[in-house]
């Protein structure tokens, strides 16, 4: 059974970059790490991306392996493959949860997204994101302009209708 990252959490970040990962997120990380076993700490991959990324995207090991499989199916040398390899391999780091359920973010990553004092965790089903809380509030619905197929002011659940088994 595939577990999903759900919910949101605002957690403290100490001066060394340590922050608690929500307990439900830790269970998903454990389930998504093929090498995890009781008593060990699960690994995850943090994608920090280029200058335009204002958040960190965190993947279970199984989820990033799926992304990598899809990238490897693309033509070698194609611009899309190169861009995706850079994002998901070069601009990413593998780490693990510590013994107390915390994540330790290097200063480079904290500075990139402006973390100071608090971190906002946002579940996104197969990944979770870490944001500066103010940035998240500013960008949560950025780019969701109304068009023929989407109304940003509508209850998003209306878009589930008719999308099954397509």
N, C-alpha and C. Protein backbone atom coordinates (compact mmCIF):
# COMPACT_ATOMS: atom_id res chain seq x y z
N UNK A 1 0.84 -1.18 0.00
CA UNK A 1 0.00 0.00 0.00
C UNK A 1 0.89 1.25 0.00
N UNK A 2 0.63 2.17 -0.92
CA UNK A 2 1.38 3.41 -0.99
C UNK A 2 0.77 4.40 0.00
N UNK A 3 1.61 4.97 0.82
CA UNK A 3 1.16 5.96 1.78
C UNK A 3 1.43 7.34 1.21
N UNK A 4 0.64 8.32 1.63
CA UNK A 4 0.76 9.68 1.10
C UNK A 4 1.07 10.68 2.20
N UNK A 5 1.74 11.76 1.78
CA UNK A 5 1.99 12.88 2.69
C UNK A 5 0.75 13.76 2.68
N UNK A 6 0.14 13.91 3.85
CA UNK A 6 -1.06 14.73 3.98
C UNK A 6 -0.91 15.69 5.15
N UNK A 7 -1.51 16.86 4.99
CA UNK A 7 -1.55 17.81 6.08
C UNK A 7 -0.49 18.88 5.99
N UNK A 8 -0.48 19.71 7.02
CA UNK A 8 0.47 20.81 7.09
C UNK A 8 0.91 20.97 8.53
N UNK A 9 2.10 21.54 8.69
CA UNK A 9 2.64 21.69 10.03
C UNK A 9 3.63 22.85 10.04
N UNK A 10 3.60 23.63 11.09
CA UNK A 10 4.55 24.71 11.30
C UNK A 10 5.48 24.28 12.44
N UNK A 11 6.77 24.11 12.13
CA UNK A 11 7.71 23.60 13.11
C UNK A 11 8.88 24.55 13.28
N UNK A 12 9.42 24.56 14.49
CA UNK A 12 10.58 25.40 14.81
C UNK A 12 11.83 24.87 14.11
N UNK A 13 12.72 25.80 13.74
CA UNK A 13 14.03 25.47 13.19
C UNK A 13 15.06 26.07 14.14
N UNK A 14 15.98 25.24 14.65
CA UNK A 14 16.99 25.79 15.56
C UNK A 14 18.16 26.35 14.77
N UNK A 15 19.12 26.92 15.46
CA UNK A 15 20.24 27.59 14.81
C UNK A 15 21.14 26.63 14.02
N UNK A 16 21.05 25.34 14.32
CA UNK A 16 21.83 24.34 13.57
C UNK A 16 21.04 23.76 12.40
N UNK A 17 19.83 24.26 12.18
CA UNK A 17 19.02 23.79 11.06
C UNK A 17 18.23 22.53 11.35
N UNK A 18 18.07 22.19 12.62
CA UNK A 18 17.30 21.00 12.99
C UNK A 18 15.83 21.35 13.14
N UNK A 19 14.99 20.49 12.60
CA UNK A 19 13.54 20.68 12.73
C UNK A 19 12.87 19.32 12.76
N UNK A 20 11.81 19.21 13.54
CA UNK A 20 11.06 17.96 13.61
C UNK A 20 10.26 17.78 12.35
N UNK A 21 10.28 16.56 11.83
CA UNK A 21 9.43 16.20 10.70
C UNK A 21 8.12 15.71 11.29
N UNK A 22 6.97 16.14 10.77
CA UNK A 22 5.71 15.64 11.31
C UNK A 22 5.71 14.10 11.36
N UNK A 23 5.20 13.56 12.46
CA UNK A 23 5.24 12.10 12.67
C UNK A 23 4.60 11.34 11.53
N UNK A 24 3.47 11.83 11.00
CA UNK A 24 2.82 11.12 9.90
C UNK A 24 3.71 11.12 8.65
N UNK A 25 4.49 12.17 8.44
CA UNK A 25 5.42 12.22 7.31
C UNK A 25 6.54 11.21 7.51
N UNK A 26 7.00 11.04 8.75
CA UNK A 26 8.06 10.06 9.02
C UNK A 26 7.59 8.64 8.69
N UNK A 27 6.31 8.34 8.97
CA UNK A 27 5.79 7.00 8.64
C UNK A 27 5.80 6.77 7.12
N UNK A 28 5.49 7.80 6.35
CA UNK A 28 5.51 7.68 4.89
C UNK A 28 6.95 7.49 4.41
N UNK A 29 7.89 8.23 4.99
CA UNK A 29 9.30 8.08 4.63
C UNK A 29 9.79 6.66 4.91
N UNK A 30 9.39 6.11 6.05
CA UNK A 30 9.77 4.73 6.38
C UNK A 30 9.20 3.76 5.35
N UNK A 31 7.92 3.91 5.04
CA UNK A 31 7.27 3.00 4.09
C UNK A 31 7.86 3.13 2.69
N UNK A 32 8.40 4.30 2.36
CA UNK A 32 8.95 4.54 1.02
C UNK A 32 10.44 4.34 0.91
N UNK A 33 11.06 3.78 1.94
CA UNK A 33 12.50 3.50 1.91
C UNK A 33 12.69 1.99 1.92
N UNK A 34 13.06 1.39 0.78
CA UNK A 34 13.18 -0.07 0.72
C UNK A 34 14.23 -0.65 1.68
N UNK A 35 15.16 0.17 2.15
CA UNK A 35 16.19 -0.32 3.07
C UNK A 35 15.86 -0.06 4.53
N UNK A 36 14.73 0.60 4.79
CA UNK A 36 14.38 0.92 6.18
C UNK A 36 13.93 -0.33 6.91
N UNK A 37 14.34 -0.41 8.17
CA UNK A 37 13.85 -1.45 9.07
C UNK A 37 13.78 -0.84 10.46
N UNK A 38 13.01 -1.46 11.32
CA UNK A 38 12.84 -0.94 12.68
C UNK A 38 14.19 -0.69 13.33
N UNK A 39 14.32 0.47 13.94
CA UNK A 39 15.56 0.84 14.59
C UNK A 39 16.48 1.68 13.71
N UNK A 40 16.21 1.70 12.41
CA UNK A 40 16.99 2.51 11.49
C UNK A 40 16.22 3.78 11.16
N UNK A 41 16.92 4.74 10.57
CA UNK A 41 16.27 5.99 10.19
C UNK A 41 16.06 6.01 8.68
N UNK A 42 14.88 6.42 8.23
CA UNK A 42 14.62 6.42 6.78
C UNK A 42 15.41 7.51 6.06
N UNK A 43 15.75 7.21 4.81
CA UNK A 43 16.39 8.19 3.95
C UNK A 43 15.34 8.91 3.12
N UNK A 44 15.70 10.08 2.64
CA UNK A 44 14.86 10.85 1.74
C UNK A 44 15.75 11.67 0.84
N UNK A 45 15.17 12.19 -0.24
CA UNK A 45 15.89 13.06 -1.16
C UNK A 45 15.22 14.42 -1.12
N UNK A 46 16.05 15.45 -0.94
CA UNK A 46 15.56 16.82 -0.94
C UNK A 46 16.01 17.48 -2.24
N UNK A 47 15.03 17.91 -3.02
CA UNK A 47 15.31 18.63 -4.26
C UNK A 47 15.19 20.12 -3.96
N UNK A 48 16.27 20.84 -4.18
CA UNK A 48 16.24 22.28 -3.89
C UNK A 48 16.15 23.12 -5.15
N UNK A 49 16.55 22.59 -6.29
CA UNK A 49 16.35 23.26 -7.57
C UNK A 49 17.15 24.53 -7.76
N UNK A 50 16.84 25.19 -8.83
CA UNK A 50 17.55 26.39 -9.23
C UNK A 50 17.05 27.64 -8.54
N UNK A 51 17.42 28.78 -9.11
CA UNK A 51 17.14 30.06 -8.48
C UNK A 51 15.66 30.38 -8.36
N UNK A 52 14.82 29.79 -9.19
CA UNK A 52 13.39 30.09 -9.16
C UNK A 52 12.61 29.30 -8.12
N UNK A 53 13.21 28.25 -7.60
CA UNK A 53 12.53 27.44 -6.57
C UNK A 53 12.61 28.15 -5.24
N UNK A 54 11.47 28.33 -4.60
CA UNK A 54 11.44 29.02 -3.31
C UNK A 54 11.04 28.07 -2.18
N UNK A 55 11.12 26.77 -2.45
CA UNK A 55 10.80 25.75 -1.46
C UNK A 55 11.70 24.55 -1.69
N UNK A 56 11.69 23.63 -0.75
CA UNK A 56 12.38 22.36 -0.87
C UNK A 56 11.34 21.28 -1.08
N UNK A 57 11.60 20.37 -2.01
CA UNK A 57 10.67 19.28 -2.29
C UNK A 57 11.31 17.98 -1.82
N UNK A 58 10.62 17.26 -0.96
CA UNK A 58 11.17 16.06 -0.33
C UNK A 58 10.49 14.81 -0.84
N UNK A 59 11.29 13.84 -1.25
CA UNK A 59 10.82 12.59 -1.84
C UNK A 59 11.22 11.40 -1.00
N UNK A 60 10.36 10.39 -0.95
CA UNK A 60 10.79 9.10 -0.41
C UNK A 60 11.77 8.52 -1.43
N UNK A 61 12.52 7.52 -1.03
CA UNK A 61 13.45 6.86 -1.94
C UNK A 61 12.69 6.23 -3.10
N UNK A 62 11.57 5.56 -2.82
CA UNK A 62 10.80 4.94 -3.90
C UNK A 62 10.25 5.99 -4.87
N UNK A 63 9.80 7.13 -4.36
CA UNK A 63 9.24 8.17 -5.24
C UNK A 63 10.31 8.77 -6.14
N UNK A 64 11.52 9.00 -5.62
CA UNK A 64 12.57 9.58 -6.46
C UNK A 64 13.05 8.54 -7.47
N UNK A 65 13.05 7.26 -7.11
CA UNK A 65 13.42 6.23 -8.07
C UNK A 65 12.43 6.19 -9.24
N UNK A 66 11.15 6.42 -8.95
CA UNK A 66 10.15 6.49 -10.01
C UNK A 66 10.44 7.68 -10.94
N UNK A 67 10.75 8.82 -10.37
CA UNK A 67 11.10 10.00 -11.17
C UNK A 67 12.31 9.68 -12.04
N UNK A 68 13.33 9.07 -11.45
CA UNK A 68 14.54 8.74 -12.20
C UNK A 68 14.26 7.77 -13.34
N UNK A 69 13.40 6.78 -13.11
CA UNK A 69 13.04 5.84 -14.18
C UNK A 69 12.39 6.57 -15.35
N UNK A 70 11.51 7.53 -15.05
CA UNK A 70 10.85 8.29 -16.12
C UNK A 70 11.85 9.16 -16.87
N UNK A 71 12.80 9.74 -16.17
CA UNK A 71 13.82 10.56 -16.83
C UNK A 71 14.67 9.69 -17.75
N UNK A 72 15.06 8.51 -17.28
CA UNK A 72 15.93 7.62 -18.07
C UNK A 72 15.26 7.10 -19.34
N UNK A 73 13.93 7.16 -19.41
CA UNK A 73 13.21 6.75 -20.62
C UNK A 73 13.26 7.83 -21.71
N UNK A 74 13.65 9.04 -21.34
CA UNK A 74 13.71 10.13 -22.30
C UNK A 74 14.96 9.99 -23.16
N UNK A 75 14.93 10.56 -24.36
CA UNK A 75 16.11 10.47 -25.23
C UNK A 75 17.35 11.11 -24.59
N UNK A 76 18.44 10.35 -24.61
CA UNK A 76 19.71 10.85 -24.05
C UNK A 76 20.11 12.10 -24.83
N UNK A 77 20.50 13.14 -24.10
CA UNK A 77 20.92 14.38 -24.74
C UNK A 77 19.80 15.35 -25.03
N UNK A 78 18.54 14.95 -24.80
CA UNK A 78 17.43 15.88 -25.04
C UNK A 78 17.46 16.98 -23.98
N UNK A 79 16.99 18.14 -24.36
CA UNK A 79 16.99 19.28 -23.43
C UNK A 79 16.12 19.00 -22.21
N UNK A 80 14.98 18.35 -22.42
CA UNK A 80 14.10 18.04 -21.29
C UNK A 80 14.78 17.08 -20.32
N UNK A 81 15.44 16.05 -20.87
CA UNK A 81 16.14 15.10 -19.99
C UNK A 81 17.25 15.81 -19.22
N UNK A 82 18.03 16.65 -19.89
CA UNK A 82 19.11 17.36 -19.21
C UNK A 82 18.56 18.25 -18.09
N UNK A 83 17.47 18.96 -18.38
CA UNK A 83 16.88 19.84 -17.36
C UNK A 83 16.38 19.03 -16.17
N UNK A 84 15.73 17.90 -16.43
CA UNK A 84 15.21 17.07 -15.35
C UNK A 84 16.33 16.41 -14.56
N UNK A 85 17.40 15.98 -15.25
CA UNK A 85 18.54 15.40 -14.54
C UNK A 85 19.17 16.44 -13.61
N UNK A 86 19.29 17.66 -14.10
CA UNK A 86 19.86 18.71 -13.26
C UNK A 86 19.00 18.95 -12.04
N UNK A 87 17.69 19.07 -12.23
CA UNK A 87 16.79 19.33 -11.12
C UNK A 87 16.78 18.19 -10.11
N UNK A 88 16.58 16.96 -10.58
CA UNK A 88 16.35 15.85 -9.66
C UNK A 88 17.60 15.07 -9.24
N UNK A 89 18.75 15.41 -9.84
CA UNK A 89 19.98 14.73 -9.45
C UNK A 89 21.04 15.72 -8.97
N UNK A 90 21.35 16.70 -9.81
CA UNK A 90 22.39 17.66 -9.44
C UNK A 90 21.94 18.60 -8.34
N UNK A 91 20.72 19.11 -8.45
CA UNK A 91 20.20 20.08 -7.47
C UNK A 91 19.37 19.37 -6.41
N UNK A 92 19.93 18.28 -5.90
CA UNK A 92 19.25 17.46 -4.90
C UNK A 92 20.29 16.87 -3.96
N UNK A 93 19.82 16.47 -2.80
CA UNK A 93 20.72 15.83 -1.83
C UNK A 93 19.97 14.71 -1.11
N UNK A 94 20.68 13.65 -0.81
CA UNK A 94 20.12 12.54 -0.04
C UNK A 94 20.51 12.73 1.41
N UNK A 95 19.55 12.52 2.29
CA UNK A 95 19.80 12.66 3.73
C UNK A 95 18.93 11.65 4.46
N UNK A 96 18.97 11.69 5.77
CA UNK A 96 18.12 10.79 6.55
C UNK A 96 17.57 11.55 7.76
N UNK A 97 16.53 10.98 8.31
CA UNK A 97 15.93 11.50 9.53
C UNK A 97 16.87 11.10 10.67
N UNK A 98 17.06 11.98 11.65
CA UNK A 98 17.94 11.61 12.76
C UNK A 98 17.18 10.76 13.79
N UNK A 99 17.88 10.34 14.82
CA UNK A 99 17.30 9.44 15.83
C UNK A 99 16.12 10.03 16.59
N UNK A 100 15.99 11.34 16.58
CA UNK A 100 14.89 11.99 17.31
C UNK A 100 13.77 12.44 16.38
N UNK A 101 13.81 12.00 15.11
CA UNK A 101 12.74 12.35 14.17
C UNK A 101 12.91 13.72 13.54
N UNK A 102 14.14 14.21 13.57
CA UNK A 102 14.38 15.54 13.00
C UNK A 102 15.14 15.45 11.68
N UNK A 103 15.03 16.50 10.95
CA UNK A 103 15.78 16.69 9.72
C UNK A 103 16.76 17.82 9.99
N UNK A 104 17.99 17.66 9.55
CA UNK A 104 18.99 18.71 9.69
C UNK A 104 19.26 19.27 8.31
N UNK A 105 18.85 20.52 8.10
CA UNK A 105 19.06 21.16 6.80
C UNK A 105 20.37 21.94 6.80
N UNK A 106 21.21 21.73 5.80
CA UNK A 106 22.43 22.51 5.69
C UNK A 106 22.11 24.00 5.52
N UNK A 107 23.05 24.85 5.94
CA UNK A 107 22.86 26.30 5.85
C UNK A 107 22.52 26.73 4.42
N UNK A 108 23.14 26.11 3.42
CA UNK A 108 22.89 26.45 2.01
C UNK A 108 21.40 26.33 1.67
N UNK A 109 20.77 25.28 2.14
CA UNK A 109 19.35 25.07 1.83
C UNK A 109 18.47 26.01 2.64
N UNK A 110 18.83 26.23 3.90
CA UNK A 110 18.05 27.17 4.73
C UNK A 110 18.12 28.58 4.13
N UNK A 111 19.30 28.98 3.72
CA UNK A 111 19.47 30.31 3.12
C UNK A 111 18.71 30.43 1.80
N UNK A 112 18.72 29.38 1.02
CA UNK A 112 18.06 29.41 -0.29
C UNK A 112 16.58 29.76 -0.17
N UNK A 113 15.92 29.19 0.84
CA UNK A 113 14.48 29.45 0.97
C UNK A 113 14.16 30.43 2.10
N UNK A 114 15.18 30.96 2.74
CA UNK A 114 14.97 31.98 3.77
C UNK A 114 14.39 31.45 5.07
N UNK A 115 14.81 30.25 5.49
CA UNK A 115 14.30 29.69 6.75
C UNK A 115 15.01 30.33 7.92
N UNK A 116 14.22 30.85 8.83
CA UNK A 116 14.78 31.45 10.04
C UNK A 116 13.71 31.38 11.13
N UNK A 117 13.83 30.42 11.99
CA UNK A 117 12.90 30.32 13.12
C UNK A 117 11.82 29.28 12.95
N UNK A 118 11.14 29.27 11.80
CA UNK A 118 10.05 28.32 11.56
C UNK A 118 10.11 27.79 10.14
N UNK A 119 9.62 26.57 9.98
CA UNK A 119 9.50 25.94 8.67
C UNK A 119 8.06 25.46 8.52
N UNK A 120 7.52 25.63 7.32
CA UNK A 120 6.17 25.17 7.03
C UNK A 120 6.26 23.92 6.18
N UNK A 121 5.68 22.82 6.67
CA UNK A 121 5.65 21.55 5.96
C UNK A 121 4.29 21.40 5.30
N UNK A 122 4.28 21.11 4.00
CA UNK A 122 3.03 20.96 3.25
C UNK A 122 3.02 19.60 2.56
N UNK A 123 2.06 18.73 2.94
CA UNK A 123 1.92 17.44 2.29
C UNK A 123 1.38 17.61 0.88
N UNK A 124 1.99 16.89 -0.07
CA UNK A 124 1.59 16.97 -1.48
C UNK A 124 1.41 15.57 -2.08
N UNK A 125 0.88 14.66 -1.29
CA UNK A 125 0.63 13.27 -1.65
C UNK A 125 1.91 12.46 -1.80
N UNK A 126 2.61 12.53 -2.97
CA UNK A 126 3.80 11.71 -3.15
C UNK A 126 5.08 12.42 -2.71
N UNK A 127 4.99 13.69 -2.36
CA UNK A 127 6.12 14.45 -1.84
C UNK A 127 5.61 15.35 -0.71
N UNK A 128 6.54 15.97 -0.01
CA UNK A 128 6.16 17.07 0.86
C UNK A 128 7.13 18.21 0.61
N UNK A 129 6.67 19.40 0.90
CA UNK A 129 7.46 20.60 0.67
C UNK A 129 7.78 21.28 1.99
N UNK A 130 8.94 21.92 2.02
CA UNK A 130 9.34 22.74 3.16
C UNK A 130 9.47 24.17 2.66
N UNK A 131 8.79 25.07 3.34
CA UNK A 131 8.73 26.48 2.93
C UNK A 131 9.07 27.40 4.09
N UNK A 132 9.52 28.58 3.77
CA UNK A 132 9.47 29.69 4.69
C UNK A 132 7.97 29.98 4.82
N UNK A 133 7.42 30.08 6.03
CA UNK A 133 5.96 30.24 6.17
C UNK A 133 5.39 31.45 5.42
N UNK A 134 6.09 32.56 5.42
CA UNK A 134 5.59 33.75 4.73
C UNK A 134 5.57 33.54 3.23
N UNK A 135 6.60 32.90 2.70
CA UNK A 135 6.66 32.63 1.26
C UNK A 135 5.52 31.70 0.86
N UNK A 136 5.26 30.69 1.68
CA UNK A 136 4.17 29.76 1.38
C UNK A 136 2.85 30.51 1.30
N UNK A 137 2.60 31.37 2.28
CA UNK A 137 1.35 32.14 2.26
C UNK A 137 1.24 32.99 1.01
N UNK A 138 2.35 33.57 0.57
CA UNK A 138 2.34 34.42 -0.62
C UNK A 138 2.15 33.63 -1.91
N UNK A 139 2.70 32.41 -1.96
CA UNK A 139 2.74 31.67 -3.23
C UNK A 139 1.80 30.47 -3.31
N UNK A 140 1.08 30.17 -2.26
CA UNK A 140 0.25 28.97 -2.23
C UNK A 140 -0.64 28.86 -3.47
N UNK A 141 -1.25 29.94 -3.88
CA UNK A 141 -2.16 29.88 -5.02
C UNK A 141 -1.66 30.71 -6.20
N UNK A 142 -0.38 31.09 -6.18
CA UNK A 142 0.18 31.86 -7.29
C UNK A 142 0.10 31.04 -8.58
N UNK A 143 -0.23 31.68 -9.65
CA UNK A 143 -0.29 31.02 -10.95
C UNK A 143 -1.58 30.27 -11.20
N UNK A 144 -2.50 30.31 -10.27
CA UNK A 144 -3.77 29.60 -10.46
C UNK A 144 -4.83 30.57 -10.99
N UNK A 145 -4.52 31.20 -12.09
CA UNK A 145 -5.46 32.13 -12.69
C UNK A 145 -6.62 31.38 -13.32
N UNK A 146 -7.75 32.03 -13.36
CA UNK A 146 -8.94 31.42 -13.95
C UNK A 146 -8.74 31.26 -15.45
N UNK A 147 -9.18 30.12 -15.98
CA UNK A 147 -9.24 29.91 -17.43
C UNK A 147 -10.48 29.07 -17.72
N UNK A 148 -10.60 28.59 -18.93
CA UNK A 148 -11.80 27.84 -19.32
C UNK A 148 -12.01 26.57 -18.50
N UNK A 149 -10.91 25.98 -18.02
CA UNK A 149 -10.99 24.71 -17.31
C UNK A 149 -10.79 24.82 -15.80
N UNK A 150 -10.53 26.03 -15.30
CA UNK A 150 -10.18 26.15 -13.90
C UNK A 150 -10.67 27.46 -13.32
N UNK A 151 -11.30 27.36 -12.15
CA UNK A 151 -11.74 28.53 -11.41
C UNK A 151 -11.06 28.48 -10.04
N UNK A 152 -10.10 29.39 -9.77
CA UNK A 152 -9.37 29.32 -8.51
C UNK A 152 -10.23 29.58 -7.28
N UNK A 153 -11.43 30.14 -7.46
CA UNK A 153 -12.29 30.43 -6.32
C UNK A 153 -13.28 29.30 -6.03
N UNK A 154 -13.33 28.31 -6.90
CA UNK A 154 -14.24 27.18 -6.69
C UNK A 154 -13.65 26.19 -5.69
N UNK A 155 -14.49 25.38 -5.08
CA UNK A 155 -14.03 24.29 -4.23
C UNK A 155 -13.32 23.28 -5.14
N UNK A 156 -12.04 23.05 -4.90
CA UNK A 156 -11.23 22.21 -5.78
C UNK A 156 -11.78 20.80 -5.95
N UNK A 157 -12.62 20.32 -5.04
CA UNK A 157 -13.14 18.96 -5.14
C UNK A 157 -13.99 18.75 -6.40
N UNK A 158 -14.49 19.83 -7.00
CA UNK A 158 -15.30 19.66 -8.22
C UNK A 158 -14.48 19.10 -9.37
N UNK A 159 -13.17 19.24 -9.32
CA UNK A 159 -12.32 18.74 -10.41
C UNK A 159 -12.05 17.25 -10.35
N UNK A 160 -12.50 16.58 -9.31
CA UNK A 160 -12.35 15.12 -9.24
C UNK A 160 -13.35 14.42 -10.13
N UNK A 161 -14.51 15.01 -10.36
CA UNK A 161 -15.54 14.39 -11.18
C UNK A 161 -15.03 14.13 -12.59
N UNK A 162 -15.27 12.90 -13.09
CA UNK A 162 -14.95 12.58 -14.47
C UNK A 162 -13.49 12.29 -14.74
N UNK A 163 -12.63 12.31 -13.73
CA UNK A 163 -11.20 12.07 -13.96
C UNK A 163 -10.78 10.65 -13.62
N UNK A 164 -11.72 9.81 -13.19
CA UNK A 164 -11.37 8.44 -12.79
C UNK A 164 -10.99 7.59 -13.98
N UNK A 165 -9.96 6.76 -13.80
CA UNK A 165 -9.55 5.75 -14.77
C UNK A 165 -9.42 6.28 -16.19
N UNK A 166 -8.85 7.43 -16.35
CA UNK A 166 -8.62 7.93 -17.72
C UNK A 166 -7.30 7.46 -18.23
